[in-house]
């Protein structure tokens, strides 16, 4: 599974992307647990960061498969 980090998540994780080795499908909560085990500084953003799977936003009950590309999309502001 490829994890892509954007904006604040990229800054806090210190990387733009990484591979997460999961052998079975996982829930959003389990995916977040795996990500936070590697990057605990992302914890404050968990409740406001959207997850996208293979280019599409997901909902809270999404299941993520080992071959998915996951993007962490934090809130952004602009003007």
N, C-alpha and C. Protein backbone atom coordinates (compact mmCIF):
# COMPACT_ATOMS: atom_id res chain seq x y z
N UNK A 1 0.85 -1.16 0.00
CA UNK A 1 0.00 0.00 0.00
C UNK A 1 0.90 1.23 0.00
N UNK A 2 0.60 2.16 -0.88
CA UNK A 2 1.36 3.40 -0.95
C UNK A 2 0.59 4.49 -0.20
N UNK A 3 1.29 5.19 0.67
CA UNK A 3 0.71 6.29 1.42
C UNK A 3 1.32 7.58 0.90
N UNK A 4 0.46 8.53 0.51
CA UNK A 4 0.90 9.83 0.02
C UNK A 4 0.54 10.89 1.06
N UNK A 5 1.50 11.72 1.38
CA UNK A 5 1.30 12.77 2.38
C UNK A 5 1.27 14.13 1.68
N UNK A 6 0.30 14.97 2.05
CA UNK A 6 0.16 16.29 1.45
C UNK A 6 0.12 17.36 2.52
N UNK A 7 0.60 18.55 2.17
CA UNK A 7 0.52 19.75 3.00
C UNK A 7 1.06 19.48 4.41
N UNK A 8 0.24 19.74 5.43
CA UNK A 8 0.69 19.59 6.82
C UNK A 8 1.11 18.16 7.14
N UNK A 9 0.43 17.17 6.56
CA UNK A 9 0.82 15.79 6.86
C UNK A 9 2.22 15.50 6.31
N UNK A 10 2.55 16.07 5.16
CA UNK A 10 3.89 15.88 4.59
C UNK A 10 4.94 16.53 5.49
N UNK A 11 4.64 17.73 5.95
CA UNK A 11 5.59 18.43 6.81
C UNK A 11 5.82 17.66 8.11
N UNK A 12 4.76 17.18 8.73
CA UNK A 12 4.89 16.48 10.00
C UNK A 12 5.50 15.09 9.86
N UNK A 13 5.18 14.39 8.78
CA UNK A 13 5.75 13.06 8.56
C UNK A 13 7.19 13.15 8.08
N UNK A 14 7.53 14.27 7.43
CA UNK A 14 8.89 14.45 6.94
C UNK A 14 9.16 13.72 5.63
N UNK A 15 8.11 13.21 4.99
CA UNK A 15 8.24 12.49 3.72
C UNK A 15 7.02 12.77 2.86
N UNK A 16 7.17 12.57 1.56
CA UNK A 16 6.05 12.76 0.64
C UNK A 16 5.25 11.49 0.44
N UNK A 17 5.92 10.34 0.54
CA UNK A 17 5.23 9.06 0.36
C UNK A 17 6.03 7.94 0.99
N UNK A 18 5.37 6.83 1.18
CA UNK A 18 6.03 5.63 1.69
C UNK A 18 5.17 4.42 1.38
N UNK A 19 5.77 3.26 1.51
CA UNK A 19 5.05 2.00 1.33
C UNK A 19 4.78 1.42 2.70
N UNK A 20 3.54 1.04 2.91
CA UNK A 20 3.12 0.40 4.14
C UNK A 20 2.74 -1.03 3.81
N UNK A 21 3.41 -1.98 4.43
CA UNK A 21 3.17 -3.39 4.12
C UNK A 21 2.06 -3.96 5.00
N UNK A 22 0.91 -4.17 4.40
CA UNK A 22 -0.22 -4.80 5.08
C UNK A 22 -0.67 -5.97 4.22
N UNK A 23 -0.88 -7.10 4.84
CA UNK A 23 -1.21 -8.30 4.06
C UNK A 23 -2.71 -8.49 3.89
N UNK A 24 -3.51 -7.82 4.71
CA UNK A 24 -4.96 -7.98 4.66
C UNK A 24 -5.63 -6.62 4.55
N UNK A 25 -6.86 -6.57 4.07
CA UNK A 25 -7.62 -5.32 4.09
C UNK A 25 -7.77 -4.81 5.52
N UNK A 26 -7.80 -3.48 5.67
CA UNK A 26 -7.91 -2.88 6.99
C UNK A 26 -8.95 -1.76 6.97
N UNK A 27 -9.51 -1.49 8.13
CA UNK A 27 -10.44 -0.38 8.30
C UNK A 27 -9.66 0.93 8.34
N UNK A 28 -10.39 2.04 8.25
CA UNK A 28 -9.75 3.35 8.35
C UNK A 28 -9.06 3.51 9.71
N UNK A 29 -9.70 3.03 10.78
CA UNK A 29 -9.07 3.13 12.10
C UNK A 29 -7.78 2.34 12.18
N UNK A 30 -7.78 1.13 11.64
CA UNK A 30 -6.56 0.31 11.65
C UNK A 30 -5.47 0.93 10.78
N UNK A 31 -5.87 1.52 9.66
CA UNK A 31 -4.89 2.20 8.80
C UNK A 31 -4.28 3.38 9.54
N UNK A 32 -5.12 4.18 10.17
CA UNK A 32 -4.59 5.30 10.95
C UNK A 32 -3.65 4.82 12.05
N UNK A 33 -4.01 3.74 12.73
CA UNK A 33 -3.14 3.20 13.79
C UNK A 33 -1.77 2.85 13.22
N UNK A 34 -1.73 2.24 12.04
CA UNK A 34 -0.46 1.87 11.41
C UNK A 34 0.34 3.11 11.02
N UNK A 35 -0.35 4.12 10.50
CA UNK A 35 0.33 5.36 10.11
C UNK A 35 0.87 6.08 11.34
N UNK A 36 0.06 6.17 12.38
CA UNK A 36 0.49 6.88 13.59
C UNK A 36 1.60 6.14 14.33
N UNK A 37 1.68 4.83 14.17
CA UNK A 37 2.79 4.09 14.77
C UNK A 37 4.12 4.54 14.16
N UNK A 38 4.10 4.91 12.88
CA UNK A 38 5.30 5.40 12.19
C UNK A 38 5.51 6.90 12.37
N UNK A 39 4.40 7.64 12.46
CA UNK A 39 4.46 9.10 12.48
C UNK A 39 3.53 9.66 13.56
N UNK A 40 3.90 9.53 14.82
CA UNK A 40 3.02 9.98 15.91
C UNK A 40 2.70 11.48 15.87
N UNK A 41 3.54 12.27 15.22
CA UNK A 41 3.28 13.71 15.14
C UNK A 41 2.02 14.02 14.32
N UNK A 42 1.51 13.05 13.57
CA UNK A 42 0.29 13.27 12.79
C UNK A 42 -0.98 13.15 13.64
N UNK A 43 -0.87 12.69 14.85
CA UNK A 43 -2.05 12.44 15.70
C UNK A 43 -3.00 13.64 15.79
N UNK A 44 -2.50 14.87 15.96
CA UNK A 44 -3.44 16.00 16.05
C UNK A 44 -4.25 16.24 14.77
N UNK A 45 -3.78 15.74 13.64
CA UNK A 45 -4.48 15.95 12.38
C UNK A 45 -5.46 14.83 12.03
N UNK A 46 -5.45 13.76 12.79
CA UNK A 46 -6.28 12.59 12.44
C UNK A 46 -7.74 12.94 12.26
N UNK A 47 -8.30 13.71 13.16
CA UNK A 47 -9.74 13.99 13.11
C UNK A 47 -10.14 14.94 11.99
N UNK A 48 -9.18 15.64 11.39
CA UNK A 48 -9.51 16.61 10.35
C UNK A 48 -8.95 16.24 8.98
N UNK A 49 -8.22 15.14 8.90
CA UNK A 49 -7.60 14.73 7.64
C UNK A 49 -8.49 13.72 6.92
N UNK A 50 -8.76 13.99 5.65
CA UNK A 50 -9.55 13.07 4.82
C UNK A 50 -8.63 12.03 4.21
N UNK A 51 -9.15 10.83 4.04
CA UNK A 51 -8.42 9.77 3.36
C UNK A 51 -9.02 9.60 1.97
N UNK A 52 -8.14 9.48 0.99
CA UNK A 52 -8.58 9.19 -0.37
C UNK A 52 -7.95 7.86 -0.78
N UNK A 53 -8.75 7.00 -1.41
CA UNK A 53 -8.27 5.71 -1.88
C UNK A 53 -8.31 5.72 -3.40
N UNK A 54 -7.16 5.49 -4.01
CA UNK A 54 -7.07 5.42 -5.47
C UNK A 54 -7.73 6.61 -6.15
N UNK A 55 -7.49 7.81 -5.58
CA UNK A 55 -7.95 9.04 -6.20
C UNK A 55 -9.34 9.50 -5.83
N UNK A 56 -10.02 8.78 -4.92
CA UNK A 56 -11.38 9.17 -4.52
C UNK A 56 -11.48 9.23 -3.01
N UNK A 57 -12.13 10.30 -2.50
CA UNK A 57 -12.34 10.41 -1.06
C UNK A 57 -13.16 9.23 -0.55
N UNK A 58 -12.87 8.81 0.67
CA UNK A 58 -13.57 7.69 1.28
C UNK A 58 -14.41 8.18 2.45
N UNK A 59 -15.28 7.30 2.94
CA UNK A 59 -16.03 7.62 4.14
C UNK A 59 -15.44 6.84 5.32
N UNK A 60 -16.03 7.04 6.49
CA UNK A 60 -15.47 6.48 7.72
C UNK A 60 -15.46 4.96 7.76
N UNK A 61 -16.36 4.30 7.00
CA UNK A 61 -16.41 2.84 7.06
C UNK A 61 -15.68 2.16 5.89
N UNK A 62 -14.82 2.91 5.22
CA UNK A 62 -14.05 2.36 4.09
C UNK A 62 -13.09 1.26 4.55
N UNK A 63 -12.85 0.33 3.65
CA UNK A 63 -11.86 -0.73 3.89
C UNK A 63 -10.77 -0.56 2.83
N UNK A 64 -9.53 -0.64 3.27
CA UNK A 64 -8.39 -0.39 2.42
C UNK A 64 -7.63 -1.70 2.16
N UNK A 65 -7.35 -1.96 0.89
CA UNK A 65 -6.68 -3.20 0.48
C UNK A 65 -5.17 -2.96 0.33
N UNK A 66 -4.38 -4.04 0.42
CA UNK A 66 -2.92 -3.90 0.34
C UNK A 66 -2.41 -3.18 -0.90
N UNK A 67 -3.07 -3.25 -2.05
CA UNK A 67 -2.58 -2.62 -3.26
C UNK A 67 -3.05 -1.19 -3.47
N UNK A 68 -3.82 -0.65 -2.54
CA UNK A 68 -4.38 0.69 -2.69
C UNK A 68 -3.32 1.78 -2.58
N UNK A 69 -3.62 2.92 -3.20
CA UNK A 69 -2.86 4.15 -3.00
C UNK A 69 -3.71 5.05 -2.13
N UNK A 70 -3.19 5.41 -0.99
CA UNK A 70 -3.92 6.20 0.00
C UNK A 70 -3.29 7.58 0.10
N UNK A 71 -4.12 8.61 0.01
CA UNK A 71 -3.64 9.97 0.19
C UNK A 71 -4.24 10.55 1.47
N UNK A 72 -3.40 11.21 2.25
CA UNK A 72 -3.85 11.91 3.43
C UNK A 72 -4.00 13.38 3.05
N UNK A 73 -5.24 13.88 3.10
CA UNK A 73 -5.56 15.22 2.65
C UNK A 73 -6.02 16.04 3.86
N UNK A 74 -5.13 16.88 4.40
CA UNK A 74 -5.53 17.71 5.54
C UNK A 74 -6.33 18.90 5.04
N UNK A 75 -6.99 19.62 5.96
CA UNK A 75 -7.72 20.81 5.54
C UNK A 75 -6.73 21.84 4.97
N UNK A 76 -7.19 22.56 3.99
CA UNK A 76 -6.36 23.61 3.39
C UNK A 76 -7.14 24.91 3.39
N UNK A 77 -6.43 25.99 3.39
CA UNK A 77 -7.07 27.29 3.27
C UNK A 77 -6.50 28.02 2.08
N UNK A 78 -7.21 28.90 1.58
CA UNK A 78 -6.73 29.64 0.42
C UNK A 78 -7.53 30.91 0.27
N UNK A 79 -7.14 31.68 -0.69
CA UNK A 79 -7.86 32.92 -0.84
C UNK A 79 -7.75 33.47 -2.21
